[in-house]
Amino acid sequence: MFDIIFEILFDLLIEGSLEAAQSRRVPMPLRIVLLGILIAIYGGILYVIVSIAIEHKSAVAWIIAVLYVVFAGLFIRKKYQEYKSRKSRDTIQ
């Protein structure tokens, strides 16, 4: 029962932070704090995966960690390109 409640709250925290960090209606200091929270959460997940890979000498865990970093990099690149296109579109108008 509690795991479902924690999962829902965690989803709300992550999705809410991601949406609020991208919104221009939210003040910049709050967006920076929310972005820091997201980086801490995803960095913690990466830390857990790497520590499992080191402790158990698991090649599978290393592959998962590398894929995690690659997909995170692709996601960040996509969001940055969206930001650049949105910013250039706003300056033209």
PDB file of N, CA and C in Angstrom:
ATOM      1  N   MET A   1       0.822  -1.196   0.000  1.00  0.00           N
ATOM      2  CA  MET A   1       0.000   0.000   0.000  1.00  0.00           C
ATOM      3  C   MET A   1       0.870   1.266   0.000  1.00  0.00           C
ATOM      4  N   PHE A   2       1.869   1.279   0.895  1.00  0.00           N
ATOM      5  CA  PHE A   2       2.729   2.459   0.980  1.00  0.00           C
ATOM      6  C   PHE A   2       3.591   2.618  -0.268  1.00  0.00           C
ATOM      7  N   ASP A   3       3.969   1.493  -0.887  1.00  0.00           N
ATOM      8  CA  ASP A   3       4.791   1.596  -2.087  1.00  0.00           C
ATOM      9  C   ASP A   3       4.032   2.273  -3.220  1.00  0.00           C
ATOM     10  N   ILE A   4       2.737   2.047  -3.303  1.00  0.00           N
ATOM     11  CA  ILE A   4       1.924   2.709  -4.335  1.00  0.00           C
ATOM     12  C   ILE A   4       1.839   4.206  -4.057  1.00  0.00           C
ATOM     13  N   ILE A   5       1.662   4.563  -2.798  1.00  0.00           N
ATOM     14  CA  ILE A   5       1.582   5.979  -2.423  1.00  0.00           C
ATOM     15  C   ILE A   5       2.908   6.675  -2.711  1.00  0.00           C
ATOM     16  N   PHE A   6       4.026   6.034  -2.346  1.00  0.00           N
ATOM     17  CA  PHE A   6       5.343   6.628  -2.607  1.00  0.00           C
ATOM     18  C   PHE A   6       5.615   6.737  -4.104  1.00  0.00           C
ATOM     19  N   GLU A   7       5.183   5.749  -4.864  1.00  0.00           N
ATOM     20  CA  GLU A   7       5.373   5.797  -6.315  1.00  0.00           C
ATOM     21  C   GLU A   7       4.590   6.957  -6.925  1.00  0.00           C
ATOM     22  N   ILE A   8       3.374   7.157  -6.502  1.00  0.00           N
ATOM     23  CA  ILE A   8       2.560   8.265  -7.012  1.00  0.00           C
ATOM     24  C   ILE A   8       3.184   9.603  -6.630  1.00  0.00           C
ATOM     25  N   LEU A   9       3.609   9.746  -5.384  1.00  0.00           N
ATOM     26  CA  LEU A   9       4.234  10.995  -4.947  1.00  0.00           C
ATOM     27  C   LEU A   9       5.542  11.251  -5.681  1.00  0.00           C
ATOM     28  N   PHE A  10       6.337  10.209  -5.895  1.00  0.00           N
ATOM     29  CA  PHE A  10       7.600  10.346  -6.605  1.00  0.00           C
ATOM     30  C   PHE A  10       7.358  10.744  -8.056  1.00  0.00           C
ATOM     31  N   ASP A  11       6.357  10.141  -8.699  1.00  0.00           N
ATOM     32  CA  ASP A  11       6.004  10.520 -10.070  1.00  0.00           C
ATOM     33  C   ASP A  11       5.569  11.978 -10.139  1.00  0.00           C
ATOM     34  N   LEU A  12       4.752  12.389  -9.198  1.00  0.00           N
ATOM     35  CA  LEU A  12       4.309  13.785  -9.172  1.00  0.00           C
ATOM     36  C   LEU A  12       5.483  14.741  -8.978  1.00  0.00           C
ATOM     37  N   LEU A  13       6.404  14.374  -8.111  1.00  0.00           N
ATOM     38  CA  LEU A  13       7.580  15.205  -7.858  1.00  0.00           C
ATOM     39  C   LEU A  13       8.435  15.345  -9.112  1.00  0.00           C
ATOM     40  N   ILE A  14       8.717  14.230  -9.758  1.00  0.00           N
ATOM     41  CA  ILE A  14       9.579  14.274 -10.943  1.00  0.00           C
ATOM     42  C   ILE A  14       8.884  14.982 -12.097  1.00  0.00           C
ATOM     43  N   GLU A  15       7.661  14.604 -12.402  1.00  0.00           N
ATOM     44  CA  GLU A  15       6.951  15.216 -13.527  1.00  0.00           C
ATOM     45  C   GLU A  15       6.670  16.687 -13.257  1.00  0.00           C
ATOM     46  N   GLY A  16       6.301  17.013 -12.046  1.00  0.00           N
ATOM     47  CA  GLY A  16       6.042  18.405 -11.701  1.00  0.00           C
ATOM     48  C   GLY A  16       7.303  19.252 -11.778  1.00  0.00           C
ATOM     49  N   SER A  17       8.409  18.703 -11.302  1.00  0.00           N
ATOM     50  CA  SER A  17       9.675  19.437 -11.374  1.00  0.00           C
ATOM     51  C   SER A  17      10.107  19.642 -12.814  1.00  0.00           C
ATOM     52  N   LEU A  18       9.934  18.625 -13.636  1.00  0.00           N
ATOM     53  CA  LEU A  18      10.325  18.736 -15.038  1.00  0.00           C
ATOM     54  C   LEU A  18       9.485  19.782 -15.766  1.00  0.00           C
ATOM     55  N   GLU A  19       8.193  19.762 -15.562  1.00  0.00           N
ATOM     56  CA  GLU A  19       7.325  20.737 -16.225  1.00  0.00           C
ATOM     57  C   GLU A  19       7.559  22.149 -15.704  1.00  0.00           C
ATOM     58  N   ALA A  20       7.715  22.288 -14.404  1.00  0.00           N
ATOM     59  CA  ALA A  20       7.923  23.619 -13.824  1.00  0.00           C
ATOM     60  C   ALA A  20       9.284  24.188 -14.211  1.00  0.00           C
ATOM     61  N   ALA A  21      10.290  23.335 -14.343  1.00  0.00           N
ATOM     62  CA  ALA A  21      11.621  23.810 -14.724  1.00  0.00           C
ATOM     63  C   ALA A  21      11.636  24.323 -16.159  1.00  0.00           C
ATOM     64  N   GLN A  22      10.717  23.857 -16.988  1.00  0.00           N
ATOM     65  CA  GLN A  22      10.654  24.292 -18.381  1.00  0.00           C
ATOM     66  C   GLN A  22       9.729  25.490 -18.584  1.00  0.00           C
ATOM     67  N   SER A  23       8.885  25.791 -17.637  1.00  0.00           N
ATOM     68  CA  SER A  23       7.889  26.842 -17.792  1.00  0.00           C
ATOM     69  C   SER A  23       8.491  28.226 -17.539  1.00  0.00           C
ATOM     70  N   ARG A  24       8.158  29.150 -18.392  1.00  0.00           N
ATOM     71  CA  ARG A  24       8.633  30.525 -18.199  1.00  0.00           C
ATOM     72  C   ARG A  24       7.803  31.273 -17.156  1.00  0.00           C
ATOM     73  N   ARG A  25       6.695  30.726 -16.765  1.00  0.00           N
ATOM     74  CA  ARG A  25       5.844  31.377 -15.764  1.00  0.00           C
ATOM     75  C   ARG A  25       6.400  31.205 -14.351  1.00  0.00           C
ATOM     76  N   VAL A  26       7.260  30.230 -14.194  1.00  0.00           N
ATOM     77  CA  VAL A  26       7.868  29.969 -12.890  1.00  0.00           C
ATOM     78  C   VAL A  26       9.120  30.836 -12.772  1.00  0.00           C
ATOM     79  N   PRO A  27       9.328  31.496 -11.631  1.00  0.00           N
ATOM     80  CA  PRO A  27      10.516  32.342 -11.473  1.00  0.00           C
ATOM     81  C   PRO A  27      11.824  31.549 -11.644  1.00  0.00           C
ATOM     82  N   MET A  28      12.827  32.222 -12.182  1.00  0.00           N
ATOM     83  CA  MET A  28      14.103  31.569 -12.503  1.00  0.00           C
ATOM     84  C   MET A  28      14.762  30.904 -11.288  1.00  0.00           C
ATOM     85  N   PRO A  29      14.825  31.540 -10.106  1.00  0.00           N
ATOM     86  CA  PRO A  29      15.466  30.842  -8.963  1.00  0.00           C
ATOM     87  C   PRO A  29      14.762  29.516  -8.614  1.00  0.00           C
ATOM     88  N   LEU A  30      13.439  29.489  -8.708  1.00  0.00           N
ATOM     89  CA  LEU A  30      12.705  28.258  -8.426  1.00  0.00           C
ATOM     90  C   LEU A  30      12.969  27.206  -9.497  1.00  0.00           C
ATOM     91  N   ARG A  31      13.082  27.633 -10.746  1.00  0.00           N
ATOM     92  CA  ARG A  31      13.391  26.688 -11.823  1.00  0.00           C
ATOM     93  C   ARG A  31      14.770  26.076 -11.623  1.00  0.00           C
ATOM     94  N   ILE A  32      15.722  26.869 -11.163  1.00  0.00           N
ATOM     95  CA  ILE A  32      17.075  26.355 -10.922  1.00  0.00           C
ATOM     96  C   ILE A  32      17.056  25.340  -9.778  1.00  0.00           C
ATOM     97  N   VAL A  33      16.302  25.619  -8.737  1.00  0.00           N
ATOM     98  CA  VAL A  33      16.180  24.677  -7.613  1.00  0.00           C
ATOM     99  C   VAL A  33      15.537  23.371  -8.079  1.00  0.00           C
ATOM    100  N   LEU A  34      14.470  23.471  -8.871  1.00  0.00           N
ATOM    101  CA  LEU A  34      13.801  22.272  -9.373  1.00  0.00           C
ATOM    102  C   LEU A  34      14.707  21.469 -10.295  1.00  0.00           C
ATOM    103  N   LEU A  35      15.493  22.153 -11.117  1.00  0.00           N
ATOM    104  CA  LEU A  35      16.445  21.467 -11.978  1.00  0.00           C
ATOM    105  C   LEU A  35      17.508  20.766 -11.137  1.00  0.00           C
ATOM    106  N   GLY A  36      17.934  21.399 -10.054  1.00  0.00           N
ATOM    107  CA  GLY A  36      18.891  20.766  -9.144  1.00  0.00           C
ATOM    108  C   GLY A  36      18.322  19.514  -8.496  1.00  0.00           C
ATOM    109  N   ILE A  37      17.041  19.561  -8.143  1.00  0.00           N
ATOM    110  CA  ILE A  37      16.381  18.384  -7.569  1.00  0.00           C
ATOM    111  C   ILE A  37      16.357  17.245  -8.584  1.00  0.00           C
ATOM    112  N   LEU A  38      16.021  17.568  -9.830  1.00  0.00           N
ATOM    113  CA  LEU A  38      16.006  16.536 -10.871  1.00  0.00           C
ATOM    114  C   LEU A  38      17.387  15.938 -11.097  1.00  0.00           C
ATOM    115  N   ILE A  39      18.398  16.781 -11.143  1.00  0.00           N
ATOM    116  CA  ILE A  39      19.767  16.290 -11.336  1.00  0.00           C
ATOM    117  C   ILE A  39      20.174  15.400 -10.162  1.00  0.00           C
ATOM    118  N   ALA A  40      19.794  15.776  -8.947  1.00  0.00           N
ATOM    119  CA  ALA A  40      20.130  14.969  -7.772  1.00  0.00           C
ATOM    120  C   ALA A  40      19.431  13.610  -7.812  1.00  0.00           C
ATOM    121  N   ILE A  41      18.182  13.594  -8.223  1.00  0.00           N
ATOM    122  CA  ILE A  41      17.438  12.329  -8.289  1.00  0.00           C
ATOM    123  C   ILE A  41      18.056  11.401  -9.322  1.00  0.00           C
ATOM    124  N   TYR A  42      18.259  11.913 -10.532  1.00  0.00           N
ATOM    125  CA  TYR A  42      18.802  11.061 -11.586  1.00  0.00           C
ATOM    126  C   TYR A  42      20.273  10.723 -11.341  1.00  0.00           C
ATOM    127  N   GLY A  43      21.014  11.610 -10.715  1.00  0.00           N
ATOM    128  CA  GLY A  43      22.390  11.296 -10.330  1.00  0.00           C
ATOM    129  C   GLY A  43      22.435  10.206  -9.273  1.00  0.00           C
ATOM    130  N   GLY A  44      21.492  10.242  -8.352  1.00  0.00           N
ATOM    131  CA  GLY A  44      21.407   9.196  -7.328  1.00  0.00           C
ATOM    132  C   GLY A  44      21.091   7.836  -7.927  1.00  0.00           C
ATOM    133  N   ILE A  45      20.209   7.823  -8.912  1.00  0.00           N
ATOM    134  CA  ILE A  45      19.898   6.559  -9.587  1.00  0.00           C
ATOM    135  C   ILE A  45      21.139   6.019 -10.291  1.00  0.00           C
ATOM    136  N   LEU A  46      21.865   6.903 -10.966  1.00  0.00           N
ATOM    137  CA  LEU A  46      23.095   6.478 -11.643  1.00  0.00           C
ATOM    138  C   LEU A  46      24.115   5.965 -10.631  1.00  0.00           C
ATOM    139  N   TYR A  47      24.223   6.627  -9.496  1.00  0.00           N
ATOM    140  CA  TYR A  47      25.148   6.185  -8.441  1.00  0.00           C
ATOM    141  C   TYR A  47      24.803   4.777  -7.959  1.00  0.00           C
ATOM    142  N   VAL A  48      23.523   4.505  -7.768  1.00  0.00           N
ATOM    143  CA  VAL A  48      23.104   3.180  -7.314  1.00  0.00           C
ATOM    144  C   VAL A  48      23.460   2.126  -8.358  1.00  0.00           C
ATOM    145  N   ILE A  49      23.213   2.420  -9.629  1.00  0.00           N
ATOM    146  CA  ILE A  49      23.530   1.451 -10.687  1.00  0.00           C
ATOM    147  C   ILE A  49      25.029   1.179 -10.743  1.00  0.00           C
ATOM    148  N   VAL A  50      25.837   2.229 -10.682  1.00  0.00           N
ATOM    149  CA  VAL A  50      27.294   2.050 -10.743  1.00  0.00           C
ATOM    150  C   VAL A  50      27.807   1.326  -9.505  1.00  0.00           C
ATOM    151  N   SER A  51      27.265   1.632  -8.333  1.00  0.00           N
ATOM    152  CA  SER A  51      27.728   0.935  -7.125  1.00  0.00           C
ATOM    153  C   SER A  51      27.368  -0.552  -7.180  1.00  0.00           C
ATOM    154  N   ILE A  52      26.220  -0.878  -7.741  1.00  0.00           N
ATOM    155  CA  ILE A  52      25.861  -2.291  -7.920  1.00  0.00           C
ATOM    156  C   ILE A  52      26.837  -2.952  -8.885  1.00  0.00           C
ATOM    157  N   ALA A  53      27.174  -2.236  -9.968  1.00  0.00           N
ATOM    158  CA  ALA A  53      28.108  -2.795 -10.947  1.00  0.00           C
ATOM    159  C   ALA A  53      29.476  -3.041 -10.331  1.00  0.00           C
ATOM    160  N   ILE A  54      29.919  -2.143  -9.477  1.00  0.00           N
ATOM    161  CA  ILE A  54      31.240  -2.302  -8.855  1.00  0.00           C
ATOM    162  C   ILE A  54      31.227  -3.414  -7.811  1.00  0.00           C
ATOM    163  N   GLU A  55      30.224  -3.418  -6.945  1.00  0.00           N
ATOM    164  CA  GLU A  55      30.178  -4.404  -5.865  1.00  0.00           C
ATOM    165  C   GLU A  55      30.029  -5.830  -6.386  1.00  0.00           C
ATOM    166  N   HIS A  56      29.200  -6.006  -7.412  1.00  0.00           N
ATOM    167  CA  HIS A  56      28.921  -7.352  -7.901  1.00  0.00           C
ATOM    168  C   HIS A  56      29.714  -7.704  -9.163  1.00  0.00           C
ATOM    169  N   LYS A  57      30.559  -6.770  -9.600  1.00  0.00           N
ATOM    170  CA  LYS A  57      31.356  -6.957 -10.815  1.00  0.00           C
ATOM    171  C   LYS A  57      30.470  -7.422 -11.962  1.00  0.00           C
ATOM    172  N   SER A  58      29.387  -6.673 -12.158  1.00  0.00           N
ATOM    173  CA  SER A  58      28.368  -7.046 -13.128  1.00  0.00           C
ATOM    174  C   SER A  58      28.526  -6.257 -14.416  1.00  0.00           C
ATOM    175  N   ALA A  59      28.726  -6.969 -15.509  1.00  0.00           N
ATOM    176  CA  ALA A  59      28.812  -6.326 -16.828  1.00  0.00           C
ATOM    177  C   ALA A  59      27.444  -5.792 -17.249  1.00  0.00           C
ATOM    178  N   VAL A  60      26.392  -6.482 -16.862  1.00  0.00           N
ATOM    179  CA  VAL A  60      25.042  -6.042 -17.209  1.00  0.00           C
ATOM    180  C   VAL A  60      24.736  -4.692 -16.564  1.00  0.00           C
ATOM    181  N   ALA A  61      25.115  -4.535 -15.307  1.00  0.00           N
ATOM    182  CA  ALA A  61      24.881  -3.260 -14.623  1.00  0.00           C
ATOM    183  C   ALA A  61      25.694  -2.144 -15.272  1.00  0.00           C
ATOM    184  N   TRP A  62      26.924  -2.435 -15.724  1.00  0.00           N
ATOM    185  CA  TRP A  62      27.717  -1.419 -16.423  1.00  0.00           C
ATOM    186  C   TRP A  62      27.048  -1.024 -17.739  1.00  0.00           C
ATOM    187  N   ILE A  63      26.510  -1.993 -18.445  1.00  0.00           N
ATOM    188  CA  ILE A  63      25.809  -1.691 -19.702  1.00  0.00           C
ATOM    189  C   ILE A  63      24.590  -0.826 -19.427  1.00  0.00           C
ATOM    190  N   ILE A  64      23.853  -1.145 -18.384  1.00  0.00           N
ATOM    191  CA  ILE A  64      22.689  -0.345 -18.015  1.00  0.00           C
ATOM    192  C   ILE A  64      23.111   1.078 -17.651  1.00  0.00           C
ATOM    193  N   ALA A  65      24.207   1.218 -16.920  1.00  0.00           N
ATOM    194  CA  ALA A  65      24.698   2.546 -16.539  1.00  0.00           C
ATOM    195  C   ALA A  65      25.094   3.356 -17.766  1.00  0.00           C
ATOM    196  N   VAL A  66      25.775   2.722 -18.708  1.00  0.00           N
ATOM    197  CA  VAL A  66      26.177   3.425 -19.928  1.00  0.00           C
ATOM    198  C   VAL A  66      24.947   3.833 -20.743  1.00  0.00           C
ATOM    199  N   LEU A  67      23.998   2.927 -20.880  1.00  0.00           N
ATOM    200  CA  LEU A  67      22.767   3.269 -21.604  1.00  0.00           C
ATOM    201  C   LEU A  67      22.006   4.396 -20.910  1.00  0.00           C
ATOM    202  N   TYR A  68      22.004   4.369 -19.590  1.00  0.00           N
ATOM    203  CA  TYR A  68      21.342   5.420 -18.807  1.00  0.00           C
ATOM    204  C   TYR A  68      21.974   6.783 -19.106  1.00  0.00           C
ATOM    205  N   VAL A  69      23.299   6.831 -19.143  1.00  0.00           N
ATOM    206  CA  VAL A  69      24.002   8.083 -19.428  1.00  0.00           C
ATOM    207  C   VAL A  69      23.746   8.529 -20.869  1.00  0.00           C
ATOM    208  N   VAL A  70      23.756   7.589 -21.809  1.00  0.00           N
ATOM    209  CA  VAL A  70      23.518   7.929 -23.214  1.00  0.00           C
ATOM    210  C   VAL A  70      22.114   8.491 -23.396  1.00  0.00           C
ATOM    211  N   PHE A  71      21.118   7.817 -22.840  1.00  0.00           N
ATOM    212  CA  PHE A  71      19.749   8.306 -22.990  1.00  0.00           C
ATOM    213  C   PHE A  71      19.538   9.632 -22.265  1.00  0.00           C
ATOM    214  N   ALA A  72      20.181   9.819 -21.137  1.00  0.00           N
ATOM    215  CA  ALA A  72      20.090  11.099 -20.432  1.00  0.00           C
ATOM    216  C   ALA A  72      20.711  12.206 -21.283  1.00  0.00           C
ATOM    217  N   GLY A  73      21.842  11.912 -21.907  1.00  0.00           N
ATOM    218  CA  GLY A  73      22.483  12.888 -22.784  1.00  0.00           C
ATOM    219  C   GLY A  73      21.611  13.237 -23.983  1.00  0.00           C
ATOM    220  N   LEU A  74      20.982  12.226 -24.575  1.00  0.00           N
ATOM    221  CA  LEU A  74      20.080  12.484 -25.702  1.00  0.00           C
ATOM    222  C   LEU A  74      18.873  13.318 -25.278  1.00  0.00           C
ATOM    223  N   PHE A  75      18.347  13.031 -24.092  1.00  0.00           N
ATOM    224  CA  PHE A  75      17.208  13.793 -23.584  1.00  0.00           C
ATOM    225  C   PHE A  75      17.597  15.249 -23.342  1.00  0.00           C
ATOM    226  N   ILE A  76      18.760  15.464 -22.735  1.00  0.00           N
ATOM    227  CA  ILE A  76      19.227  16.826 -22.469  1.00  0.00           C
ATOM    228  C   ILE A  76      19.463  17.566 -23.772  1.00  0.00           C
ATOM    229  N   ARG A  77      20.055  16.884 -24.754  1.00  0.00           N
ATOM    230  CA  ARG A  77      20.289  17.512 -26.062  1.00  0.00           C
ATOM    231  C   ARG A  77      18.979  17.906 -26.726  1.00  0.00           C
ATOM    232  N   LYS A  78      17.982  17.033 -26.664  1.00  0.00           N
ATOM    233  CA  LYS A  78      16.673  17.323 -27.260  1.00  0.00           C
ATOM    234  C   LYS A  78      16.035  18.536 -26.581  1.00  0.00           C
ATOM    235  N   LYS A  79      16.054  18.564 -25.272  1.00  0.00           N
ATOM    236  CA  LYS A  79      15.456  19.682 -24.541  1.00  0.00           C
ATOM    237  C   LYS A  79      16.207  20.983 -24.813  1.00  0.00           C
ATOM    238  N   TYR A  80      17.525  20.919 -24.953  1.00  0.00           N
ATOM    239  CA  TYR A  80      18.310  22.119 -25.246  1.00  0.00           C
ATOM    240  C   TYR A  80      17.989  22.641 -26.639  1.00  0.00           C
ATOM    241  N   GLN A  81      17.840  21.749 -27.614  1.00  0.00           N
ATOM    242  CA  GLN A  81      17.478  22.179 -28.958  1.00  0.00           C
ATOM    243  C   GLN A  81      16.090  22.796 -28.983  1.00  0.00           C
ATOM    244  N   GLU A  82      15.151  22.233 -28.229  1.00  0.00           N
ATOM    245  CA  GLU A  82      13.818  22.832 -28.126  1.00  0.00           C
ATOM    246  C   GLU A  82      13.912  24.220 -27.503  1.00  0.00           C
ATOM    247  N   TYR A  83      14.741  24.363 -26.485  1.00  0.00           N
ATOM    248  CA  TYR A  83      14.923  25.655 -25.825  1.00  0.00           C
ATOM    249  C   TYR A  83      15.504  26.677 -26.791  1.00  0.00           C
ATOM    250  N   LYS A  84      16.535  26.265 -27.555  1.00  0.00           N
ATOM    251  CA  LYS A  84      17.154  27.184 -28.513  1.00  0.00           C
ATOM    252  C   LYS A  84      16.174  27.607 -29.590  1.00  0.00           C
ATOM    253  N   SER A  85      15.384  26.680 -30.119  1.00  0.00           N
ATOM    254  CA  SER A  85      14.432  27.019 -31.162  1.00  0.00           C
ATOM    255  C   SER A  85      13.328  27.927 -30.612  1.00  0.00           C
ATOM    256  N   ARG A  86      12.887  27.670 -29.405  1.00  0.00           N
ATOM    257  CA  ARG A  86      11.866  28.499 -28.782  1.00  0.00           C
ATOM    258  C   ARG A  86      12.403  29.906 -28.497  1.00  0.00           C
ATOM    259  N   LYS A  87      13.652  29.981 -28.056  1.00  0.00           N
ATOM    260  CA  LYS A  87      14.251  31.269 -27.761  1.00  0.00           C
ATOM    261  C   LYS A  87      14.468  32.086 -29.033  1.00  0.00           C
ATOM    262  N   SER A  88      14.933  31.439 -30.096  1.00  0.00           N
ATOM    263  CA  SER A  88      15.141  32.167 -31.360  1.00  0.00           C
ATOM    264  C   SER A  88      13.810  32.589 -31.966  1.00  0.00           C
ATOM    265  N   ARG A  89      12.779  31.781 -31.803  1.00  0.00           N
ATOM    266  CA  ARG A  89      11.460  32.122 -32.291  1.00  0.00           C
ATOM    267  C   ARG A  89      10.888  33.319 -31.519  1.00  0.00           C
ATOM    268  N   ASP A  90      11.150  33.387 -30.213  1.00  0.00           N
ATOM    269  CA  ASP A  90      10.663  34.500 -29.410  1.00  0.00           C
ATOM    270  C   ASP A  90      11.384  35.789 -29.731  1.00  0.00           C
ATOM    271  N   THR A  91      12.672  35.734 -30.064  1.00  0.00           N
ATOM    272  CA  THR A  91      13.420  36.953 -30.375  1.00  0.00           C
ATOM    273  C   THR A  91      13.062  37.500 -31.756  1.00  0.00           C
ATOM    274  N   ILE A  92      12.637  36.633 -32.660  1.00  0.00           N
ATOM    275  CA  ILE A  92      12.257  37.088 -34.011  1.00  0.00           C
ATOM    276  C   ILE A  92      10.946  37.852 -33.950  1.00  0.00           C
ATOM    277  N   GLN A  93      10.026  37.409 -33.132  1.00  0.00           N
ATOM    278  CA  GLN A  93       8.700  38.047 -33.073  1.00  0.00           C
ATOM    279  C   GLN A  93       8.748  39.346 -32.406  1.00  0.00           C
TER     280      GLN A  93
END
